[in-house]
């Protein structure tokens, strides 16, 4: 059963026969890539409800359309730094039931830490090279729509191997690091990712621990 976003009910995954398709908004300033993503998702049964070329347009579209999933490039105009990431974080604050999947050309581990600092359910971070594998990419979109966390395995490997000084990852237990590894399996052939839940723990200075809630068996 999918985990749910706070206060908004379950975040539905890709629809089955007879159901309304999952609505997606794409934020990508490259027209060619945006149109390619639109075609890929439409062919996989999603409804691409809007395209945004910058972070401001993304926030406006999300408020108007209220999609189930936002797919956003981390680097967007005008500075091509972190506008897409900041918009994704703002979307999670304003509309916590909206899943977000951010894309990056390069491994940028600090951005993952920022995304997972709140509720990690319905959050994903993939490298753009994954788009070339259509099955893996559309599966990642379905999984964040279903409330799972999907993090690119290359990013997870970098996070666990070399946590930054002062990073919350420094205080993770071995089991919690294992859960991060299981999250990455969502983008590895033949594996299903672990669903991740957040438990409040007064003994943890950040008040959060990652817990494996079991593989997402039976999801298409």
Protein backbone atom coordinates (compact mmCIF):
# COMPACT_ATOMS: atom_id res chain seq x y z
CA UNK A 1 0.00 0.00 0.00
CA UNK A 2 1.48 3.40 -0.93
CA UNK A 3 2.67 5.66 1.85
CA UNK A 4 0.84 8.96 1.89
CA UNK A 5 1.83 12.58 1.84
CA UNK A 6 1.01 14.55 5.01
CA UNK A 7 -2.56 15.73 5.21
CA UNK A 8 -3.47 15.17 1.58
CA UNK A 9 -4.25 11.47 1.27
CA UNK A 10 -2.35 9.04 -0.92
CA UNK A 11 -0.33 10.27 -3.85
CA UNK A 12 -1.56 8.04 -6.64
CA UNK A 13 0.72 6.27 -9.05
CA UNK A 14 0.30 5.71 -12.75
CA UNK A 15 -3.30 4.90 -13.41
CA UNK A 16 -4.63 1.51 -14.28
CA UNK A 17 -7.17 0.73 -16.99
CA UNK A 18 -10.23 2.93 -16.71
CA UNK A 19 -8.62 5.34 -14.20
CA UNK A 20 -7.54 8.91 -14.84
CA UNK A 21 -3.84 9.07 -15.77
CA UNK A 22 -1.30 10.59 -13.40
CA UNK A 23 -0.90 14.31 -14.11
CA UNK A 24 2.67 15.55 -14.52
CA UNK A 25 4.15 19.03 -14.91
CA UNK A 26 7.60 19.20 -16.52
CA UNK A 27 10.05 22.00 -15.74
CA UNK A 28 12.91 22.05 -18.26
CA UNK A 29 14.31 25.05 -20.11
CA UNK A 30 15.64 22.99 -23.03
CA UNK A 31 12.72 22.85 -25.48
CA UNK A 32 14.08 19.74 -27.14
CA UNK A 33 14.45 17.82 -23.88
CA UNK A 34 11.09 19.05 -22.55
CA UNK A 35 9.30 17.84 -25.66
CA UNK A 36 11.16 14.54 -25.50
CA UNK A 37 10.16 14.02 -21.86
CA UNK A 38 6.58 14.92 -22.73
CA UNK A 39 6.49 12.30 -25.48
CA UNK A 40 8.09 9.61 -23.30
CA UNK A 41 5.65 10.18 -20.43
CA UNK A 42 2.60 10.41 -22.70
CA UNK A 43 3.57 7.13 -24.37
CA UNK A 44 3.86 5.56 -20.89
CA UNK A 45 0.30 6.58 -19.99
CA UNK A 46 0.90 9.80 -18.05
CA UNK A 47 -0.93 13.04 -18.67
CA UNK A 48 1.57 15.86 -19.19
CA UNK A 49 -0.54 18.75 -17.95
CA UNK A 50 1.98 21.54 -18.44
CA UNK A 51 5.51 22.59 -19.42
CA UNK A 52 7.50 25.26 -17.57
CA UNK A 53 10.72 26.88 -18.79
CA UNK A 54 11.66 28.52 -15.49
CA UNK A 55 11.07 28.15 -11.76
CA UNK A 56 8.47 30.92 -11.54
CA UNK A 57 6.37 29.33 -14.26
CA UNK A 58 6.70 25.98 -12.50
CA UNK A 59 5.29 27.33 -9.25
CA UNK A 60 2.41 29.04 -11.07
CA UNK A 61 1.54 25.91 -13.07
CA UNK A 62 1.71 23.71 -9.99
CA UNK A 63 -0.68 25.99 -8.13
CA UNK A 64 -3.10 26.09 -11.05
CA UNK A 65 -3.00 22.46 -12.16
CA UNK A 66 -2.13 20.67 -8.89
CA UNK A 67 -0.37 17.76 -10.62
CA UNK A 68 0.44 14.54 -8.83
CA UNK A 69 4.07 14.74 -9.97
CA UNK A 70 6.46 17.57 -10.81
CA UNK A 71 9.49 16.67 -12.90
CA UNK A 72 12.11 19.42 -12.68
CA UNK A 73 15.64 20.13 -13.80
CA UNK A 74 17.73 21.37 -10.86
CA UNK A 75 19.43 24.07 -12.95
CA UNK A 76 17.02 26.54 -14.53
CA UNK A 77 16.99 30.19 -15.68
CA UNK A 78 17.94 32.84 -14.97
CA UNK A 79 21.19 31.80 -13.26
CA UNK A 80 21.25 28.07 -14.13
CA UNK A 81 22.22 27.20 -10.55
CA UNK A 82 19.58 25.80 -8.16
CA UNK A 83 16.33 27.47 -9.24
CA UNK A 84 14.70 24.13 -10.07
CA UNK A 85 15.69 22.60 -6.74
CA UNK A 86 14.45 25.63 -4.81
CA UNK A 87 11.14 25.48 -6.68
CA UNK A 88 10.83 21.75 -5.89
CA UNK A 89 11.41 22.44 -2.18
CA UNK A 90 8.85 25.25 -2.26
CA UNK A 91 6.33 22.94 -3.93
CA UNK A 92 6.83 20.41 -1.15
CA UNK A 93 6.20 23.15 1.42
CA UNK A 94 3.08 24.53 -0.26
CA UNK A 95 1.60 21.31 -1.63
CA UNK A 96 3.08 18.41 0.36
CA UNK A 97 0.96 15.85 -1.47
CA UNK A 98 2.70 16.65 -4.76
CA UNK A 99 5.54 14.27 -5.58
CA UNK A 100 8.72 15.79 -7.00
CA UNK A 101 11.37 14.14 -9.15
CA UNK A 102 14.38 16.34 -9.84
CA UNK A 103 16.97 15.74 -12.53
CA UNK A 104 20.62 16.73 -12.64
CA UNK A 105 23.38 16.49 -15.21
CA UNK A 106 25.94 15.85 -12.47
CA UNK A 107 26.10 14.20 -9.04
CA UNK A 108 25.39 16.94 -6.49
CA UNK A 109 24.98 15.24 -3.14
CA UNK A 110 24.11 18.32 -1.09
CA UNK A 111 20.94 18.71 -3.14
CA UNK A 112 19.84 15.21 -2.13
CA UNK A 113 20.34 16.06 1.54
CA UNK A 114 18.16 19.15 1.10
CA UNK A 115 15.41 17.17 -0.60
CA UNK A 116 15.39 14.47 2.07
CA UNK A 117 15.57 16.93 4.97
CA UNK A 118 11.78 17.04 5.16
CA UNK A 119 9.38 14.19 4.44
CA UNK A 120 11.21 11.93 1.93
CA UNK A 121 8.04 10.25 0.68
CA UNK A 122 7.22 11.09 -2.90
CA UNK A 123 10.69 12.53 -3.54
CA UNK A 124 13.16 11.48 -6.21
CA UNK A 125 16.52 12.55 -7.62
CA UNK A 126 17.90 11.04 -10.83
CA UNK A 127 20.72 11.81 -13.20
CA UNK A 128 19.61 12.95 -16.65
CA UNK A 129 21.43 10.05 -18.25
CA UNK A 130 18.73 7.77 -16.80
CA UNK A 131 16.19 9.27 -19.20
CA UNK A 132 17.82 7.22 -21.96
CA UNK A 133 16.51 4.06 -20.28
CA UNK A 134 12.81 4.70 -20.80
CA UNK A 135 11.61 1.82 -18.63
CA UNK A 136 13.72 2.85 -15.63
CA UNK A 137 12.86 6.51 -16.03
CA UNK A 138 9.09 6.06 -16.26
CA UNK A 139 9.26 3.57 -13.39
CA UNK A 140 10.95 6.25 -11.27
CA UNK A 141 8.11 8.67 -12.05
CA UNK A 142 5.50 6.06 -11.13
CA UNK A 143 7.24 5.31 -7.84
CA UNK A 144 7.50 8.86 -6.60
CA UNK A 145 3.85 9.30 -7.60
CA UNK A 146 3.08 6.29 -5.39
CA UNK A 147 4.84 7.94 -2.44
CA UNK A 148 8.20 6.20 -2.62
CA UNK A 149 11.66 7.76 -2.50
CA UNK A 150 13.75 7.06 -5.57
CA UNK A 151 17.37 8.22 -5.51
CA UNK A 152 19.87 7.50 -8.28
CA UNK A 153 22.23 4.70 -7.17
CA UNK A 154 25.30 6.68 -8.25
CA UNK A 155 24.25 9.53 -5.97
CA UNK A 156 23.56 7.19 -3.05
CA UNK A 157 26.99 5.58 -3.47
CA UNK A 158 28.63 9.00 -3.35
CA UNK A 159 26.58 10.07 -0.31
CA UNK A 160 27.36 7.01 1.77
CA UNK A 161 31.02 6.76 0.75
CA UNK A 162 31.97 10.39 1.36
CA UNK A 163 29.53 12.29 3.58
CA UNK A 164 30.38 15.96 3.92
CA UNK A 165 31.56 17.40 7.21
CA UNK A 166 28.55 18.44 9.23
CA UNK A 167 26.19 16.47 6.99
CA UNK A 168 23.24 14.70 8.68
CA UNK A 169 24.57 11.53 7.04
CA UNK A 170 27.51 11.52 9.45
CA UNK A 171 25.26 10.45 12.31
CA UNK A 172 23.32 7.78 10.40
CA UNK A 173 23.57 4.27 11.75
CA UNK A 174 24.80 1.42 9.56
CA UNK A 175 21.18 0.29 9.21
CA UNK A 176 20.06 3.71 8.05
CA UNK A 177 22.86 3.79 5.50
CA UNK A 178 21.67 0.39 4.33
CA UNK A 179 18.19 1.84 3.85
CA UNK A 180 19.69 4.58 1.67
CA UNK A 181 21.28 1.85 -0.41
CA UNK A 182 17.95 0.06 -0.73
CA UNK A 183 16.34 3.29 -1.90
CA UNK A 184 18.82 3.38 -4.75
CA UNK A 185 17.76 -0.07 -5.92
CA UNK A 186 14.67 1.50 -7.45
CA UNK A 187 16.79 2.47 -10.45
CA UNK A 188 18.75 -0.76 -10.75
CA UNK A 189 17.53 -3.47 -13.14
CA UNK A 190 15.73 -6.33 -11.45
CA UNK A 191 15.24 -4.59 -8.10
CA UNK A 192 12.42 -2.77 -6.36
CA UNK A 193 13.13 0.17 -4.07
CA UNK A 194 12.36 0.15 -0.38
CA UNK A 195 9.58 2.48 0.67
CA UNK A 196 10.87 4.96 3.20
CA UNK A 197 9.03 6.35 6.18
CA UNK A 198 10.06 9.00 8.68
CA UNK A 199 9.73 8.26 12.37
CA UNK A 200 10.01 10.98 14.98
CA UNK A 201 12.67 10.28 17.57
CA UNK A 202 13.25 12.64 20.44
CA UNK A 203 16.75 11.25 20.90
CA UNK A 204 17.78 12.29 17.40
CA UNK A 205 18.89 15.95 17.23
CA UNK A 206 17.16 16.31 13.87
CA UNK A 207 14.10 14.39 15.04
CA UNK A 208 14.20 12.03 12.09
CA UNK A 209 15.41 8.55 11.19
CA UNK A 210 15.03 6.66 7.95
CA UNK A 211 13.32 3.31 8.19
CA UNK A 212 12.75 0.62 5.62
CA UNK A 213 9.04 -0.15 5.41
CA UNK A 214 9.41 -3.06 3.02
CA UNK A 215 9.70 -3.42 -0.75
CA UNK A 216 6.88 -2.18 -2.91
CA UNK A 217 5.69 -5.59 -3.91
CA UNK A 218 2.89 -5.82 -6.39
CA UNK A 219 3.21 -2.31 -7.85
CA UNK A 220 3.26 -2.03 -11.60
